[in-house]
Amino acid sequence: MLTIPPETQNGQSLRLAGQGMPHQDSPRSRGDLYAIVKVVLPKGLSDEEKQLFQEFKDRRSTRR
């Protein structure tokens, strides 16, 4: 199980310590596993969902 922290960016790599492949000389110990975040944007949004995203975008642009 992997928990993605808030504000994680697309392409960011997350390290899962001790969750990787076993070491060749010491099978009881494991290396680290790295997961790369790949954000997939939703398709087929309803008009209401598109409007909500537009409102979110508008609010974000006025904060700067």
N, C-alpha and C. Protein backbone atom coordinates (compact mmCIF):
# COMPACT_ATOMS: atom_id res chain seq x y z
N MET A 1 0.85 -1.17 0.00
CA MET A 1 0.00 0.00 0.00
C MET A 1 0.89 1.23 0.00
N LEU A 2 0.48 2.22 -0.76
CA LEU A 2 1.27 3.44 -0.89
C LEU A 2 0.36 4.64 -0.68
N THR A 3 0.75 5.53 0.20
CA THR A 3 0.01 6.76 0.43
C THR A 3 0.73 7.88 -0.29
N ILE A 4 -0.01 8.56 -1.18
CA ILE A 4 0.57 9.68 -1.92
C ILE A 4 0.36 10.96 -1.10
N PRO A 5 1.45 11.64 -0.73
CA PRO A 5 1.31 12.86 0.06
C PRO A 5 0.61 13.97 -0.73
N PRO A 6 -0.09 14.86 -0.04
CA PRO A 6 -0.71 15.99 -0.73
C PRO A 6 0.33 16.82 -1.47
N GLU A 7 -0.09 17.40 -2.58
CA GLU A 7 0.74 18.26 -3.43
C GLU A 7 1.91 17.54 -4.09
N THR A 8 1.82 16.21 -4.21
CA THR A 8 2.83 15.45 -4.93
C THR A 8 2.73 15.82 -6.41
N GLN A 9 3.86 16.04 -7.05
CA GLN A 9 3.88 16.48 -8.43
C GLN A 9 4.04 15.31 -9.39
N ASN A 10 3.53 15.49 -10.62
CA ASN A 10 3.68 14.48 -11.66
C ASN A 10 5.16 14.23 -11.92
N GLY A 11 5.56 12.98 -12.02
CA GLY A 11 6.94 12.63 -12.28
C GLY A 11 7.80 12.51 -11.02
N GLN A 12 7.25 12.89 -9.88
CA GLN A 12 8.01 12.80 -8.63
C GLN A 12 8.21 11.34 -8.26
N SER A 13 9.35 11.04 -7.67
CA SER A 13 9.64 9.68 -7.26
C SER A 13 9.51 9.55 -5.75
N LEU A 14 8.89 8.45 -5.32
CA LEU A 14 8.70 8.18 -3.90
C LEU A 14 9.50 6.94 -3.52
N ARG A 15 10.22 7.02 -2.42
CA ARG A 15 11.06 5.90 -1.97
C ARG A 15 10.33 5.10 -0.91
N LEU A 16 10.24 3.80 -1.14
CA LEU A 16 9.66 2.89 -0.16
C LEU A 16 10.80 2.05 0.41
N ALA A 17 11.32 2.50 1.54
CA ALA A 17 12.49 1.87 2.15
C ALA A 17 12.20 0.43 2.53
N GLY A 18 13.10 -0.48 2.11
CA GLY A 18 13.00 -1.89 2.48
C GLY A 18 11.90 -2.66 1.77
N GLN A 19 11.30 -2.07 0.73
CA GLN A 19 10.21 -2.75 0.02
C GLN A 19 10.63 -3.28 -1.34
N GLY A 20 11.91 -3.17 -1.67
CA GLY A 20 12.38 -3.58 -2.99
C GLY A 20 12.82 -5.03 -3.05
N MET A 21 13.66 -5.32 -4.00
CA MET A 21 14.16 -6.67 -4.24
C MET A 21 15.07 -7.12 -3.10
N PRO A 22 15.08 -8.43 -2.81
CA PRO A 22 16.01 -8.94 -1.79
C PRO A 22 17.45 -8.79 -2.28
N HIS A 23 18.36 -8.56 -1.33
CA HIS A 23 19.78 -8.49 -1.67
C HIS A 23 20.25 -9.89 -2.06
N GLN A 24 21.11 -9.96 -3.05
CA GLN A 24 21.59 -11.25 -3.56
C GLN A 24 22.33 -12.05 -2.49
N ASP A 25 23.17 -11.39 -1.72
CA ASP A 25 23.97 -12.09 -0.70
C ASP A 25 23.24 -12.25 0.62
N SER A 26 22.15 -11.52 0.79
CA SER A 26 21.42 -11.55 2.05
C SER A 26 19.91 -11.47 1.75
N PRO A 27 19.28 -12.59 1.40
CA PRO A 27 17.89 -12.58 0.96
C PRO A 27 16.89 -12.07 1.99
N ARG A 28 17.28 -12.03 3.26
CA ARG A 28 16.36 -11.52 4.28
C ARG A 28 16.27 -10.01 4.30
N SER A 29 17.29 -9.33 3.77
CA SER A 29 17.24 -7.87 3.71
C SER A 29 16.86 -7.44 2.29
N ARG A 30 16.13 -6.36 2.22
CA ARG A 30 15.64 -5.88 0.93
C ARG A 30 16.14 -4.47 0.67
N GLY A 31 16.25 -4.17 -0.59
CA GLY A 31 16.61 -2.82 -1.02
C GLY A 31 15.38 -1.92 -1.00
N ASP A 32 15.54 -0.74 -1.54
CA ASP A 32 14.44 0.22 -1.58
C ASP A 32 13.71 0.09 -2.92
N LEU A 33 12.43 0.37 -2.88
CA LEU A 33 11.60 0.38 -4.08
C LEU A 33 11.25 1.84 -4.36
N TYR A 34 11.36 2.24 -5.61
CA TYR A 34 11.02 3.61 -6.00
C TYR A 34 9.80 3.57 -6.89
N ALA A 35 8.81 4.39 -6.56
CA ALA A 35 7.60 4.53 -7.37
C ALA A 35 7.59 5.93 -7.96
N ILE A 36 7.33 6.01 -9.25
CA ILE A 36 7.26 7.30 -9.92
C ILE A 36 5.79 7.64 -10.15
N VAL A 37 5.38 8.83 -9.75
CA VAL A 37 3.99 9.25 -9.84
C VAL A 37 3.67 9.63 -11.29
N LYS A 38 2.61 9.05 -11.80
CA LYS A 38 2.12 9.38 -13.14
C LYS A 38 0.67 9.80 -12.99
N VAL A 39 0.42 11.09 -13.13
CA VAL A 39 -0.93 11.62 -12.98
C VAL A 39 -1.71 11.41 -14.27
N VAL A 40 -2.90 10.84 -14.15
CA VAL A 40 -3.78 10.65 -15.29
C VAL A 40 -5.01 11.51 -15.08
N LEU A 41 -5.22 12.44 -15.98
CA LEU A 41 -6.34 13.36 -15.85
C LEU A 41 -7.64 12.68 -16.30
N PRO A 42 -8.74 13.01 -15.65
CA PRO A 42 -10.00 12.37 -15.98
C PRO A 42 -10.52 12.80 -17.36
N LYS A 43 -11.22 11.89 -18.02
CA LYS A 43 -11.86 12.16 -19.31
C LYS A 43 -13.36 12.07 -19.12
N GLY A 44 -14.08 12.66 -20.03
CA GLY A 44 -15.52 12.53 -20.01
C GLY A 44 -16.19 13.22 -18.85
N LEU A 45 -15.68 14.39 -18.48
CA LEU A 45 -16.26 15.13 -17.37
C LEU A 45 -17.64 15.69 -17.76
N SER A 46 -18.51 15.74 -16.80
CA SER A 46 -19.83 16.35 -17.04
C SER A 46 -19.66 17.86 -17.11
N ASP A 47 -20.68 18.55 -17.60
CA ASP A 47 -20.63 20.01 -17.66
C ASP A 47 -20.47 20.60 -16.26
N GLU A 48 -21.12 20.00 -15.29
CA GLU A 48 -21.00 20.49 -13.90
C GLU A 48 -19.58 20.32 -13.38
N GLU A 49 -18.96 19.19 -13.67
CA GLU A 49 -17.58 18.96 -13.23
C GLU A 49 -16.62 19.93 -13.90
N LYS A 50 -16.82 20.18 -15.19
CA LYS A 50 -15.98 21.15 -15.91
C LYS A 50 -16.12 22.53 -15.29
N GLN A 51 -17.35 22.90 -14.94
CA GLN A 51 -17.60 24.21 -14.32
C GLN A 51 -16.89 24.30 -12.96
N LEU A 52 -16.93 23.23 -12.18
CA LEU A 52 -16.25 23.24 -10.88
C LEU A 52 -14.74 23.41 -11.04
N PHE A 53 -14.16 22.72 -12.04
CA PHE A 53 -12.73 22.87 -12.28
C PHE A 53 -12.40 24.29 -12.73
N GLN A 54 -13.28 24.88 -13.54
CA GLN A 54 -13.07 26.26 -13.99
C GLN A 54 -13.11 27.22 -12.81
N GLU A 55 -14.06 27.01 -11.90
CA GLU A 55 -14.14 27.86 -10.70
C GLU A 55 -12.89 27.71 -9.84
N PHE A 56 -12.42 26.50 -9.72
CA PHE A 56 -11.19 26.25 -8.96
C PHE A 56 -10.02 26.98 -9.61
N LYS A 57 -9.92 26.87 -10.92
CA LYS A 57 -8.84 27.55 -11.65
C LYS A 57 -8.92 29.06 -11.45
N ASP A 58 -10.14 29.61 -11.56
CA ASP A 58 -10.32 31.04 -11.39
C ASP A 58 -9.89 31.50 -9.99
N ARG A 59 -10.24 30.75 -8.99
CA ARG A 59 -9.86 31.10 -7.61
C ARG A 59 -8.36 31.04 -7.42
N ARG A 60 -7.72 30.04 -8.03
CA ARG A 60 -6.26 29.90 -7.90
C ARG A 60 -5.55 31.07 -8.59
N SER A 61 -6.06 31.51 -9.73
CA SER A 61 -5.37 32.57 -10.48
C SER A 61 -5.51 33.93 -9.80
N THR A 62 -6.55 34.13 -9.00
CA THR A 62 -6.71 35.41 -8.30
C THR A 62 -5.90 35.46 -7.01
N ARG A 63 -5.41 34.31 -6.54
CA ARG A 63 -4.60 34.28 -5.29
C ARG A 63 -3.21 34.82 -5.48
N ARG A 64 -2.71 34.80 -6.67
CA ARG A 64 -1.30 35.15 -6.93
C ARG A 64 -1.08 36.59 -6.94
